[in-house]
């Protein structure tokens, strides 16, 4: 969800690319529906894993896994922890709540980047 939100709402200050620890291959149905209902495009989105290439290109990594940043990103300084609940297997209302949380966080990050002139 964060990638779709950032692509539409913060493209002027960031180029978002989402990757996970346990990718499913395709974007899950309720994720797609939640994004579409809220006016976000799913074009070009896929569920992919973290790769060395993505890691090397990243200026900032948002850790939404809830796992310890030291455990996952010990050698990486530019990590921000959001600890977002994984909605997998939940009902549409949970997906919507999590969407709103992520949308707000992406908005806050974009605002900070704009204020810094990035």
PDB file of N, CA and C in Angstrom:
ATOM      1  N   UNK A   1       0.815  -1.189   0.000  1.00  0.00           N
ATOM      2  CA  UNK A   1       0.000   0.000   0.000  1.00  0.00           C
ATOM      3  C   UNK A   1       0.864   1.259   0.000  1.00  0.00           C
ATOM      4  N   UNK A   2       1.935   1.226   0.775  1.00  0.00           N
ATOM      5  CA  UNK A   2       2.778   2.416   0.904  1.00  0.00           C
ATOM      6  C   UNK A   2       3.345   2.860  -0.438  1.00  0.00           C
ATOM      7  N   UNK A   3       3.730   1.905  -1.271  1.00  0.00           N
ATOM      8  CA  UNK A   3       4.293   2.270  -2.570  1.00  0.00           C
ATOM      9  C   UNK A   3       3.267   2.990  -3.427  1.00  0.00           C
ATOM     10  N   UNK A   4       2.046   2.484  -3.488  1.00  0.00           N
ATOM     11  CA  UNK A   4       0.997   3.120  -4.290  1.00  0.00           C
ATOM     12  C   UNK A   4       0.685   4.515  -3.768  1.00  0.00           C
ATOM     13  N   UNK A   5       0.607   4.653  -2.464  1.00  0.00           N
ATOM     14  CA  UNK A   5       0.317   5.953  -1.857  1.00  0.00           C
ATOM     15  C   UNK A   5       1.439   6.940  -2.161  1.00  0.00           C
ATOM     16  N   UNK A   6       2.674   6.514  -1.985  1.00  0.00           N
ATOM     17  CA  UNK A   6       3.814   7.398  -2.237  1.00  0.00           C
ATOM     18  C   UNK A   6       3.918   7.783  -3.704  1.00  0.00           C
ATOM     19  N   UNK A   7       3.636   6.855  -4.595  1.00  0.00           N
ATOM     20  CA  UNK A   7       3.703   7.166  -6.029  1.00  0.00           C
ATOM     21  C   UNK A   7       2.740   8.281  -6.402  1.00  0.00           C
ATOM     22  N   UNK A   8       1.544   8.275  -5.805  1.00  0.00           N
ATOM     23  CA  UNK A   8       0.559   9.291  -6.160  1.00  0.00           C
ATOM     24  C   UNK A   8       0.735  10.573  -5.357  1.00  0.00           C
ATOM     25  N   UNK A   9       0.964  10.445  -4.055  1.00  0.00           N
ATOM     26  CA  UNK A   9       0.916  11.609  -3.178  1.00  0.00           C
ATOM     27  C   UNK A   9       2.265  12.252  -2.885  1.00  0.00           C
ATOM     28  N   UNK A  10       3.357  11.570  -3.226  1.00  0.00           N
ATOM     29  CA  UNK A  10       4.669  12.100  -2.850  1.00  0.00           C
ATOM     30  C   UNK A  10       5.712  11.927  -3.944  1.00  0.00           C
ATOM     31  N   UNK A  11       5.263  11.791  -5.175  1.00  0.00           N
ATOM     32  CA  UNK A  11       6.200  11.565  -6.284  1.00  0.00           C
ATOM     33  C   UNK A  11       7.165  12.730  -6.473  1.00  0.00           C
ATOM     34  N   UNK A  12       6.807  13.902  -5.967  1.00  0.00           N
ATOM     35  CA  UNK A  12       7.686  15.063  -6.101  1.00  0.00           C
ATOM     36  C   UNK A  12       8.903  14.992  -5.181  1.00  0.00           C
ATOM     37  N   UNK A  13       8.844  14.150  -4.136  1.00  0.00           N
ATOM     38  CA  UNK A  13       9.959  14.082  -3.188  1.00  0.00           C
ATOM     39  C   UNK A  13      10.515  12.683  -2.959  1.00  0.00           C
ATOM     40  N   UNK A  14       9.882  11.674  -3.548  1.00  0.00           N
ATOM     41  CA  UNK A  14      10.410  10.317  -3.362  1.00  0.00           C
ATOM     42  C   UNK A  14      10.036   9.412  -4.522  1.00  0.00           C
ATOM     43  N   UNK A  15      10.894   8.448  -4.739  1.00  0.00           N
ATOM     44  CA  UNK A  15      10.635   7.379  -5.695  1.00  0.00           C
ATOM     45  C   UNK A  15      10.510   6.109  -4.864  1.00  0.00           C
ATOM     46  N   UNK A  16       9.275   5.672  -4.679  1.00  0.00           N
ATOM     47  CA  UNK A  16       9.011   4.553  -3.776  1.00  0.00           C
ATOM     48  C   UNK A  16       9.148   3.211  -4.469  1.00  0.00           C
ATOM     49  N   UNK A  17       9.674   2.272  -3.732  1.00  0.00           N
ATOM     50  CA  UNK A  17       9.756   0.888  -4.175  1.00  0.00           C
ATOM     51  C   UNK A  17       9.551   0.025  -2.942  1.00  0.00           C
ATOM     52  N   UNK A  18       8.564  -0.834  -2.998  1.00  0.00           N
ATOM     53  CA  UNK A  18       8.219  -1.646  -1.846  1.00  0.00           C
ATOM     54  C   UNK A  18       8.769  -3.054  -1.987  1.00  0.00           C
ATOM     55  N   UNK A  19       9.273  -3.590  -0.898  1.00  0.00           N
ATOM     56  CA  UNK A  19       9.766  -4.970  -0.877  1.00  0.00           C
ATOM     57  C   UNK A  19       9.550  -5.521   0.522  1.00  0.00           C
ATOM     58  N   UNK A  20       9.301  -6.816   0.584  1.00  0.00           N
ATOM     59  CA  UNK A  20       9.001  -7.411   1.876  1.00  0.00           C
ATOM     60  C   UNK A  20       9.906  -8.565   2.238  1.00  0.00           C
ATOM     61  N   UNK A  21       9.734  -9.033   3.456  1.00  0.00           N
ATOM     62  CA  UNK A  21      10.517 -10.156   3.955  1.00  0.00           C
ATOM     63  C   UNK A  21       9.958 -11.486   3.478  1.00  0.00           C
ATOM     64  N   UNK A  22       8.641 -11.532   3.214  1.00  0.00           N
ATOM     65  CA  UNK A  22       7.993 -12.773   2.766  1.00  0.00           C
ATOM     66  C   UNK A  22       7.005 -12.448   1.653  1.00  0.00           C
ATOM     67  N   UNK A  23       7.496 -12.092   0.460  1.00  0.00           N
ATOM     68  CA  UNK A  23       6.605 -11.682  -0.627  1.00  0.00           C
ATOM     69  C   UNK A  23       5.720 -12.829  -1.105  1.00  0.00           C
ATOM     70  N   UNK A  24       4.508 -12.472  -1.535  1.00  0.00           N
ATOM     71  CA  UNK A  24       3.535 -13.461  -1.994  1.00  0.00           C
ATOM     72  C   UNK A  24       3.504 -13.572  -3.521  1.00  0.00           C
ATOM     73  N   UNK A  25       4.216 -12.708  -4.223  1.00  0.00           N
ATOM     74  CA  UNK A  25       4.218 -12.734  -5.684  1.00  0.00           C
ATOM     75  C   UNK A  25       3.278 -11.712  -6.277  1.00  0.00           C
ATOM     76  N   UNK A  26       2.010 -11.804  -5.940  1.00  0.00           N
ATOM     77  CA  UNK A  26       1.015 -10.859  -6.442  1.00  0.00           C
ATOM     78  C   UNK A  26       0.518 -10.001  -5.284  1.00  0.00           C
ATOM     79  N   UNK A  27      -0.008  -8.836  -5.622  1.00  0.00           N
ATOM     80  CA  UNK A  27      -0.612  -7.984  -4.605  1.00  0.00           C
ATOM     81  C   UNK A  27      -1.925  -8.638  -4.181  1.00  0.00           C
ATOM     82  N   UNK A  28      -2.115  -8.800  -2.899  1.00  0.00           N
ATOM     83  CA  UNK A  28      -3.284  -9.494  -2.371  1.00  0.00           C
ATOM     84  C   UNK A  28      -4.576  -8.766  -2.744  1.00  0.00           C
ATOM     85  N   UNK A  29      -5.650  -9.543  -2.919  1.00  0.00           N
ATOM     86  CA  UNK A  29      -6.934  -9.021  -3.377  1.00  0.00           C
ATOM     87  C   UNK A  29      -7.449  -7.882  -2.499  1.00  0.00           C
ATOM     88  N   UNK A  30      -7.458  -8.047  -1.189  1.00  0.00           N
ATOM     89  CA  UNK A  30      -7.980  -6.978  -0.331  1.00  0.00           C
ATOM     90  C   UNK A  30      -7.087  -5.742  -0.341  1.00  0.00           C
ATOM     91  N   UNK A  31      -5.810  -5.924  -0.553  1.00  0.00           N
ATOM     92  CA  UNK A  31      -4.921  -4.769  -0.706  1.00  0.00           C
ATOM     93  C   UNK A  31      -5.291  -4.010  -1.970  1.00  0.00           C
ATOM     94  N   UNK A  32      -5.462  -4.733  -3.072  1.00  0.00           N
ATOM     95  CA  UNK A  32      -5.852  -4.096  -4.340  1.00  0.00           C
ATOM     96  C   UNK A  32      -7.183  -3.370  -4.194  1.00  0.00           C
ATOM     97  N   UNK A  33      -8.161  -4.040  -3.613  1.00  0.00           N
ATOM     98  CA  UNK A  33      -9.488  -3.433  -3.455  1.00  0.00           C
ATOM     99  C   UNK A  33      -9.430  -2.187  -2.581  1.00  0.00           C
ATOM    100  N   UNK A  34      -8.685  -2.248  -1.496  1.00  0.00           N
ATOM    101  CA  UNK A  34      -8.577  -1.101  -0.595  1.00  0.00           C
ATOM    102  C   UNK A  34      -7.943   0.087  -1.309  1.00  0.00           C
ATOM    103  N   UNK A  35      -6.887  -0.166  -2.052  1.00  0.00           N
ATOM    104  CA  UNK A  35      -6.246   0.918  -2.806  1.00  0.00           C
ATOM    105  C   UNK A  35      -7.196   1.497  -3.838  1.00  0.00           C
ATOM    106  N   UNK A  36      -7.865   0.645  -4.595  1.00  0.00           N
ATOM    107  CA  UNK A  36      -8.773   1.107  -5.646  1.00  0.00           C
ATOM    108  C   UNK A  36      -9.938   1.909  -5.069  1.00  0.00           C
ATOM    109  N   UNK A  37     -10.536   1.442  -3.981  1.00  0.00           N
ATOM    110  CA  UNK A  37     -11.657   2.141  -3.347  1.00  0.00           C
ATOM    111  C   UNK A  37     -11.240   3.539  -2.903  1.00  0.00           C
ATOM    112  N   UNK A  38      -9.988   3.690  -2.524  1.00  0.00           N
ATOM    113  CA  UNK A  38      -9.474   4.977  -2.058  1.00  0.00           C
ATOM    114  C   UNK A  38      -8.841   5.807  -3.170  1.00  0.00           C
ATOM    115  N   UNK A  39      -8.985   5.357  -4.419  1.00  0.00           N
ATOM    116  CA  UNK A  39      -8.532   6.148  -5.559  1.00  0.00           C
ATOM    117  C   UNK A  39      -7.080   5.998  -5.945  1.00  0.00           C
ATOM    118  N   UNK A  40      -6.442   4.925  -5.507  1.00  0.00           N
ATOM    119  CA  UNK A  40      -5.035   4.703  -5.827  1.00  0.00           C
ATOM    120  C   UNK A  40      -4.890   3.629  -6.890  1.00  0.00           C
ATOM    121  N   UNK A  41      -3.958   3.838  -7.798  1.00  0.00           N
ATOM    122  CA  UNK A  41      -3.694   2.884  -8.874  1.00  0.00           C
ATOM    123  C   UNK A  41      -2.819   1.739  -8.375  1.00  0.00           C
ATOM    124  N   UNK A  42      -3.127   0.549  -8.870  1.00  0.00           N
ATOM    125  CA  UNK A  42      -2.285  -0.605  -8.558  1.00  0.00           C
ATOM    126  C   UNK A  42      -1.372  -0.947  -9.732  1.00  0.00           C
ATOM    127  N   UNK A  43      -1.403  -0.132 -10.765  1.00  0.00           N
ATOM    128  CA  UNK A  43      -0.575  -0.382 -11.951  1.00  0.00           C
ATOM    129  C   UNK A  43       0.896  -0.448 -11.561  1.00  0.00           C
ATOM    130  N   UNK A  44       1.558  -1.499 -11.980  1.00  0.00           N
ATOM    131  CA  UNK A  44       2.985  -1.654 -11.737  1.00  0.00           C
ATOM    132  C   UNK A  44       3.352  -2.185 -10.366  1.00  0.00           C
ATOM    133  N   UNK A  45       2.365  -2.442  -9.527  1.00  0.00           N
ATOM    134  CA  UNK A  45       2.663  -2.969  -8.195  1.00  0.00           C
ATOM    135  C   UNK A  45       2.800  -4.479  -8.235  1.00  0.00           C
ATOM    136  N   UNK A  46       3.717  -4.985  -7.449  1.00  0.00           N
ATOM    137  CA  UNK A  46       3.858  -6.428  -7.287  1.00  0.00           C
ATOM    138  C   UNK A  46       4.436  -6.685  -5.903  1.00  0.00           C
ATOM    139  N   UNK A  47       4.264  -7.892  -5.440  1.00  0.00           N
ATOM    140  CA  UNK A  47       4.829  -8.281  -4.153  1.00  0.00           C
ATOM    141  C   UNK A  47       6.213  -8.857  -4.423  1.00  0.00           C
ATOM    142  N   UNK A  48       7.236  -8.164  -3.956  1.00  0.00           N
ATOM    143  CA  UNK A  48       8.603  -8.618  -4.229  1.00  0.00           C
ATOM    144  C   UNK A  48       9.429  -8.606  -2.953  1.00  0.00           C
ATOM    145  N   UNK A  49      10.478  -9.381  -2.973  1.00  0.00           N
ATOM    146  CA  UNK A  49      11.355  -9.468  -1.817  1.00  0.00           C
ATOM    147  C   UNK A  49      12.469  -8.437  -1.866  1.00  0.00           C
ATOM    148  N   UNK A  50      13.084  -8.227  -0.727  1.00  0.00           N
ATOM    149  CA  UNK A  50      14.230  -7.323  -0.648  1.00  0.00           C
ATOM    150  C   UNK A  50      15.384  -7.937  -1.431  1.00  0.00           C
ATOM    151  N   UNK A  51      16.016  -7.124  -2.261  1.00  0.00           N
ATOM    152  CA  UNK A  51      17.151  -7.601  -3.048  1.00  0.00           C
ATOM    153  C   UNK A  51      18.356  -6.699  -2.796  1.00  0.00           C
ATOM    154  N   UNK A  52      19.518  -7.190  -3.140  1.00  0.00           N
ATOM    155  CA  UNK A  52      20.734  -6.381  -2.999  1.00  0.00           C
ATOM    156  C   UNK A  52      20.653  -5.127  -3.856  1.00  0.00           C
ATOM    157  N   UNK A  53      20.025  -5.236  -5.030  1.00  0.00           N
ATOM    158  CA  UNK A  53      19.906  -4.093  -5.930  1.00  0.00           C
ATOM    159  C   UNK A  53      19.036  -2.997  -5.308  1.00  0.00           C
ATOM    160  N   UNK A  54      17.861  -3.390  -4.788  1.00  0.00           N
ATOM    161  CA  UNK A  54      16.989  -2.408  -4.136  1.00  0.00           C
ATOM    162  C   UNK A  54      17.689  -1.786  -2.939  1.00  0.00           C
ATOM    163  N   UNK A  55      18.341  -2.608  -2.164  1.00  0.00           N
ATOM    164  CA  UNK A  55      19.047  -2.151  -0.975  1.00  0.00           C
ATOM    165  C   UNK A  55      20.112  -1.115  -1.330  1.00  0.00           C
ATOM    166  N   UNK A  56      20.872  -1.390  -2.391  1.00  0.00           N
ATOM    167  CA  UNK A  56      21.953  -0.491  -2.800  1.00  0.00           C
ATOM    168  C   UNK A  56      21.423   0.853  -3.288  1.00  0.00           C
ATOM    169  N   UNK A  57      20.248   0.854  -3.895  1.00  0.00           N
ATOM    170  CA  UNK A  57      19.671   2.082  -4.445  1.00  0.00           C
ATOM    171  C   UNK A  57      18.959   2.934  -3.397  1.00  0.00           C
ATOM    172  N   UNK A  58      18.586   2.352  -2.280  1.00  0.00           N
ATOM    173  CA  UNK A  58      17.750   3.034  -1.291  1.00  0.00           C
ATOM    174  C   UNK A  58      18.502   4.126  -0.541  1.00  0.00           C
ATOM    175  N   UNK A  59      17.842   5.271  -0.405  1.00  0.00           N
ATOM    176  CA  UNK A  59      18.356   6.340   0.441  1.00  0.00           C
ATOM    177  C   UNK A  59      17.726   6.273   1.823  1.00  0.00           C
ATOM    178  N   UNK A  60      16.537   5.689   1.892  1.00  0.00           N
ATOM    179  CA  UNK A  60      15.824   5.526   3.146  1.00  0.00           C
ATOM    180  C   UNK A  60      15.028   4.232   3.070  1.00  0.00           C
ATOM    181  N   UNK A  61      15.063   3.449   4.133  1.00  0.00           N
ATOM    182  CA  UNK A  61      14.284   2.217   4.225  1.00  0.00           C
ATOM    183  C   UNK A  61      13.265   2.401   5.339  1.00  0.00           C
ATOM    184  N   UNK A  62      12.012   2.147   5.016  1.00  0.00           N
ATOM    185  CA  UNK A  62      10.950   2.188   6.013  1.00  0.00           C
ATOM    186  C   UNK A  62      10.699   0.755   6.467  1.00  0.00           C
ATOM    187  N   UNK A  63      10.966   0.475   7.714  1.00  0.00           N
ATOM    188  CA  UNK A  63      10.757  -0.853   8.284  1.00  0.00           C
ATOM    189  C   UNK A  63       9.342  -0.902   8.854  1.00  0.00           C
ATOM    190  N   UNK A  64       8.447  -1.610   8.171  1.00  0.00           N
ATOM    191  CA  UNK A  64       7.070  -1.737   8.631  1.00  0.00           C
ATOM    192  C   UNK A  64       6.803  -3.118   9.206  1.00  0.00           C
ATOM    193  N   UNK A  65       7.825  -3.930   9.347  1.00  0.00           N
ATOM    194  CA  UNK A  65       7.660  -5.325   9.756  1.00  0.00           C
ATOM    195  C   UNK A  65       7.378  -5.501  11.242  1.00  0.00           C
ATOM    196  N   UNK A  66       7.736  -4.513  12.047  1.00  0.00           N
ATOM    197  CA  UNK A  66       7.610  -4.673  13.485  1.00  0.00           C
ATOM    198  C   UNK A  66       8.794  -5.399  14.097  1.00  0.00           C
ATOM    199  N   UNK A  67       9.655  -5.930  13.254  1.00  0.00           N
ATOM    200  CA  UNK A  67      10.859  -6.610  13.749  1.00  0.00           C
ATOM    201  C   UNK A  67      11.931  -5.580  14.081  1.00  0.00           C
ATOM    202  N   UNK A  68      12.816  -5.963  14.950  1.00  0.00           N
ATOM    203  CA  UNK A  68      13.887  -5.087  15.391  1.00  0.00           C
ATOM    204  C   UNK A  68      14.736  -4.615  14.218  1.00  0.00           C
ATOM    205  N   UNK A  69      14.949  -3.318  14.148  1.00  0.00           N
ATOM    206  CA  UNK A  69      15.793  -2.768  13.079  1.00  0.00           C
ATOM    207  C   UNK A  69      17.207  -3.308  13.190  1.00  0.00           C
ATOM    208  N   UNK A  70      17.690  -3.551  14.402  1.00  0.00           N
ATOM    209  CA  UNK A  70      19.036  -4.089  14.573  1.00  0.00           C
ATOM    210  C   UNK A  70      19.141  -5.489  13.981  1.00  0.00           C
ATOM    211  N   UNK A  71      18.065  -6.243  14.078  1.00  0.00           N
ATOM    212  CA  UNK A  71      18.039  -7.600  13.557  1.00  0.00           C
ATOM    213  C   UNK A  71      18.057  -7.608  12.026  1.00  0.00           C
ATOM    214  N   UNK A  72      17.326  -6.686  11.436  1.00  0.00           N
ATOM    215  CA  UNK A  72      17.172  -6.672   9.981  1.00  0.00           C
ATOM    216  C   UNK A  72      18.127  -5.718   9.278  1.00  0.00           C
ATOM    217  N   UNK A  73      18.410  -4.596   9.910  1.00  0.00           N
ATOM    218  CA  UNK A  73      19.135  -3.524   9.233  1.00  0.00           C
ATOM    219  C   UNK A  73      20.335  -3.045  10.044  1.00  0.00           C
ATOM    220  N   UNK A  74      21.051  -3.957  10.637  1.00  0.00           N
ATOM    221  CA  UNK A  74      22.149  -3.615  11.544  1.00  0.00           C
ATOM    222  C   UNK A  74      23.194  -2.706  10.908  1.00  0.00           C
ATOM    223  N   UNK A  75      23.476  -2.901   9.639  1.00  0.00           N
ATOM    224  CA  UNK A  75      24.517  -2.123   8.965  1.00  0.00           C
ATOM    225  C   UNK A  75      23.961  -0.933   8.192  1.00  0.00           C
ATOM    226  N   UNK A  76      22.709  -0.625   8.383  1.00  0.00           N
ATOM    227  CA  UNK A  76      22.071   0.420   7.593  1.00  0.00           C
ATOM    228  C   UNK A  76      21.630   1.554   8.503  1.00  0.00           C
ATOM    229  N   UNK A  77      22.094   2.755   8.245  1.00  0.00           N
ATOM    230  CA  UNK A  77      21.802   3.898   9.105  1.00  0.00           C
ATOM    231  C   UNK A  77      20.473   4.567   8.791  1.00  0.00           C
ATOM    232  N   UNK A  78      20.068   4.522   7.535  1.00  0.00           N
ATOM    233  CA  UNK A  78      18.882   5.274   7.130  1.00  0.00           C
ATOM    234  C   UNK A  78      17.639   4.382   7.135  1.00  0.00           C
ATOM    235  N   UNK A  79      17.228   3.993   8.340  1.00  0.00           N
ATOM    236  CA  UNK A  79      16.043   3.159   8.522  1.00  0.00           C
ATOM    237  C   UNK A  79      15.089   3.891   9.452  1.00  0.00           C
ATOM    238  N   UNK A  80      13.830   3.940   9.054  1.00  0.00           N
ATOM    239  CA  UNK A  80      12.788   4.522   9.887  1.00  0.00           C
ATOM    240  C   UNK A  80      11.795   3.413  10.216  1.00  0.00           C
ATOM    241  N   UNK A  81      11.486   3.236  11.491  1.00  0.00           N
ATOM    242  CA  UNK A  81      10.567   2.180  11.929  1.00  0.00           C
ATOM    243  C   UNK A  81       9.143   2.715  12.036  1.00  0.00           C
ATOM    244  N   UNK A  82       8.213   2.073  11.321  1.00  0.00           N
ATOM    245  CA  UNK A  82       6.808   2.456  11.398  1.00  0.00           C
ATOM    246  C   UNK A  82       5.968   1.427  12.145  1.00  0.00           C
ATOM    247  N   UNK A  83       6.394   0.184  12.220  1.00  0.00           N
ATOM    248  CA  UNK A  83       5.678  -0.878  12.942  1.00  0.00           C
ATOM    249  C   UNK A  83       4.191  -0.899  12.601  1.00  0.00           C
ATOM    250  N   UNK A  84       3.903  -1.142  11.350  1.00  0.00           N
ATOM    251  CA  UNK A  84       2.528  -1.205  10.860  1.00  0.00           C
ATOM    252  C   UNK A  84       2.032  -2.643  10.936  1.00  0.00           C
ATOM    253  N   UNK A  85       0.829  -2.812  11.446  1.00  0.00           N
ATOM    254  CA  UNK A  85       0.220  -4.141  11.536  1.00  0.00           C
ATOM    255  C   UNK A  85       0.053  -4.735  10.138  1.00  0.00           C
ATOM    256  N   UNK A  86       0.352  -6.009   9.990  1.00  0.00           N
ATOM    257  CA  UNK A  86       0.149  -6.708   8.719  1.00  0.00           C
ATOM    258  C   UNK A  86      -1.311  -7.145   8.651  1.00  0.00           C
ATOM    259  N   UNK A  87      -2.072  -6.658   7.667  1.00  0.00           N
ATOM    260  CA  UNK A  87      -3.497  -6.988   7.609  1.00  0.00           C
ATOM    261  C   UNK A  87      -3.808  -8.350   6.994  1.00  0.00           C
ATOM    262  N   UNK A  88      -2.793  -9.065   6.543  1.00  0.00           N
ATOM    263  CA  UNK A  88      -3.021 -10.333   5.847  1.00  0.00           C
ATOM    264  C   UNK A  88      -3.981 -11.227   6.635  1.00  0.00           C
ATOM    265  N   UNK A  89      -5.045 -11.655   5.977  1.00  0.00           N
ATOM    266  CA  UNK A  89      -6.030 -12.536   6.589  1.00  0.00           C
ATOM    267  C   UNK A  89      -7.127 -11.819   7.356  1.00  0.00           C
ATOM    268  N   UNK A  90      -7.045 -10.509   7.456  1.00  0.00           N
ATOM    269  CA  UNK A  90      -8.041  -9.738   8.202  1.00  0.00           C
ATOM    270  C   UNK A  90      -9.200  -9.325   7.289  1.00  0.00           C
ATOM    271  N   UNK A  91     -10.201  -8.705   7.881  1.00  0.00           N
ATOM    272  CA  UNK A  91     -11.359  -8.273   7.099  1.00  0.00           C
ATOM    273  C   UNK A  91     -11.106  -6.902   6.466  1.00  0.00           C
ATOM    274  N   UNK A  92     -11.981  -6.484   5.537  1.00  0.00           N
ATOM    275  CA  UNK A  92     -11.775  -5.216   4.828  1.00  0.00           C
ATOM    276  C   UNK A  92     -11.658  -3.998   5.743  1.00  0.00           C
ATOM    277  N   UNK A  93     -12.341  -3.993   6.868  1.00  0.00           N
ATOM    278  CA  UNK A  93     -12.256  -2.849   7.780  1.00  0.00           C
ATOM    279  C   UNK A  93     -10.842  -2.687   8.338  1.00  0.00           C
ATOM    280  N   UNK A  94     -10.177  -3.788   8.607  1.00  0.00           N
ATOM    281  CA  UNK A  94      -8.793  -3.730   9.098  1.00  0.00           C
ATOM    282  C   UNK A  94      -7.882  -3.196   8.000  1.00  0.00           C
ATOM    283  N   UNK A  95      -8.075  -3.672   6.770  1.00  0.00           N
ATOM    284  CA  UNK A  95      -7.286  -3.167   5.647  1.00  0.00           C
ATOM    285  C   UNK A  95      -7.467  -1.662   5.511  1.00  0.00           C
ATOM    286  N   UNK A  96      -8.697  -1.180   5.647  1.00  0.00           N
ATOM    287  CA  UNK A  96      -8.961   0.254   5.520  1.00  0.00           C
ATOM    288  C   UNK A  96      -8.266   1.031   6.629  1.00  0.00           C
ATOM    289  N   UNK A  97      -8.333   0.535   7.848  1.00  0.00           N
ATOM    290  CA  UNK A  97      -7.684   1.214   8.972  1.00  0.00           C
ATOM    291  C   UNK A  97      -6.175   1.300   8.761  1.00  0.00           C
ATOM    292  N   UNK A  98      -5.594   0.213   8.300  1.00  0.00           N
ATOM    293  CA  UNK A  98      -4.152   0.191   8.070  1.00  0.00           C
ATOM    294  C   UNK A  98      -3.786   1.078   6.887  1.00  0.00           C
ATOM    295  N   UNK A  99      -4.627   1.074   5.852  1.00  0.00           N
ATOM    296  CA  UNK A  99      -4.423   1.982   4.720  1.00  0.00           C
ATOM    297  C   UNK A  99      -4.352   3.427   5.222  1.00  0.00           C
ATOM    298  N   UNK A 100      -5.305   3.809   6.055  1.00  0.00           N
ATOM    299  CA  UNK A 100      -5.349   5.184   6.561  1.00  0.00           C
ATOM    300  C   UNK A 100      -4.110   5.520   7.389  1.00  0.00           C
ATOM    301  N   UNK A 101      -3.643   4.564   8.163  1.00  0.00           N
ATOM    302  CA  UNK A 101      -2.416   4.774   8.939  1.00  0.00           C
ATOM    303  C   UNK A 101      -1.220   4.986   8.011  1.00  0.00           C
ATOM    304  N   UNK A 102      -1.088   4.134   7.012  1.00  0.00           N
ATOM    305  CA  UNK A 102       0.035   4.246   6.075  1.00  0.00           C
ATOM    306  C   UNK A 102      -0.065   5.540   5.281  1.00  0.00           C
ATOM    307  N   UNK A 103      -1.268   5.886   4.833  1.00  0.00           N
ATOM    308  CA  UNK A 103      -1.459   7.128   4.078  1.00  0.00           C
ATOM    309  C   UNK A 103      -1.008   8.329   4.907  1.00  0.00           C
ATOM    310  N   UNK A 104      -1.356   8.341   6.181  1.00  0.00           N
ATOM    311  CA  UNK A 104      -0.934   9.430   7.059  1.00  0.00           C
ATOM    312  C   UNK A 104       0.575   9.475   7.242  1.00  0.00           C
ATOM    313  N   UNK A 105       1.176   8.320   7.415  1.00  0.00           N
ATOM    314  CA  UNK A 105       2.635   8.262   7.600  1.00  0.00           C
ATOM    315  C   UNK A 105       3.386   8.691   6.345  1.00  0.00           C
ATOM    316  N   UNK A 106       2.912   8.255   5.184  1.00  0.00           N
ATOM    317  CA  UNK A 106       3.541   8.680   3.929  1.00  0.00           C
ATOM    318  C   UNK A 106       3.410  10.192   3.787  1.00  0.00           C
ATOM    319  N   UNK A 107       2.241  10.728   4.132  1.00  0.00           N
ATOM    320  CA  UNK A 107       2.042  12.174   4.077  1.00  0.00           C
ATOM    321  C   UNK A 107       2.996  12.925   4.986  1.00  0.00           C
ATOM    322  N   UNK A 108       3.195  12.412   6.201  1.00  0.00           N
ATOM    323  CA  UNK A 108       4.135  13.040   7.141  1.00  0.00           C
ATOM    324  C   UNK A 108       5.566  12.995   6.619  1.00  0.00           C
ATOM    325  N   UNK A 109       5.961  11.859   6.062  1.00  0.00           N
ATOM    326  CA  UNK A 109       7.307  11.730   5.503  1.00  0.00           C
ATOM    327  C   UNK A 109       7.489  12.691   4.336  1.00  0.00           C
ATOM    328  N   UNK A 110       6.506  12.757   3.455  1.00  0.00           N
ATOM    329  CA  UNK A 110       6.591  13.667   2.307  1.00  0.00           C
ATOM    330  C   UNK A 110       6.703  15.116   2.773  1.00  0.00           C
ATOM    331  N   UNK A 111       5.953  15.475   3.797  1.00  0.00           N
ATOM    332  CA  UNK A 111       6.015  16.839   4.333  1.00  0.00           C
ATOM    333  C   UNK A 111       7.415  17.146   4.854  1.00  0.00           C
ATOM    334  N   UNK A 112       7.992  16.206   5.604  1.00  0.00           N
ATOM    335  CA  UNK A 112       9.359  16.413   6.116  1.00  0.00           C
ATOM    336  C   UNK A 112      10.359  16.590   4.979  1.00  0.00           C
ATOM    337  N   UNK A 113      10.230  15.760   3.948  1.00  0.00           N
ATOM    338  CA  UNK A 113      11.153  15.853   2.812  1.00  0.00           C
ATOM    339  C   UNK A 113      10.974  17.171   2.072  1.00  0.00           C
ATOM    340  N   UNK A 114       9.733  17.619   1.915  1.00  0.00           N
ATOM    341  CA  UNK A 114       9.483  18.907   1.249  1.00  0.00           C
ATOM    342  C   UNK A 114      10.075  20.056   2.051  1.00  0.00           C
ATOM    343  N   UNK A 115       9.933  19.999   3.364  1.00  0.00           N
ATOM    344  CA  UNK A 115      10.474  21.056   4.222  1.00  0.00           C
ATOM    345  C   UNK A 115      11.993  21.117   4.160  1.00  0.00           C
ATOM    346  N   UNK A 116      12.629  19.963   3.941  1.00  0.00           N
ATOM    347  CA  UNK A 116      14.090  19.920   3.807  1.00  0.00           C
ATOM    348  C   UNK A 116      14.540  20.264   2.402  1.00  0.00           C
ATOM    349  N   UNK A 117      13.584  20.414   1.494  1.00  0.00           N
ATOM    350  CA  UNK A 117      13.922  20.766   0.122  1.00  0.00           C
ATOM    351  C   UNK A 117      14.400  19.610  -0.718  1.00  0.00           C
ATOM    352  N   UNK A 118      13.980  18.404  -0.393  1.00  0.00           N
ATOM    353  CA  UNK A 118      14.417  17.228  -1.159  1.00  0.00           C
ATOM    354  C   UNK A 118      13.442  16.907  -2.259  1.00  0.00           C
TER     355      UNK A 118
END
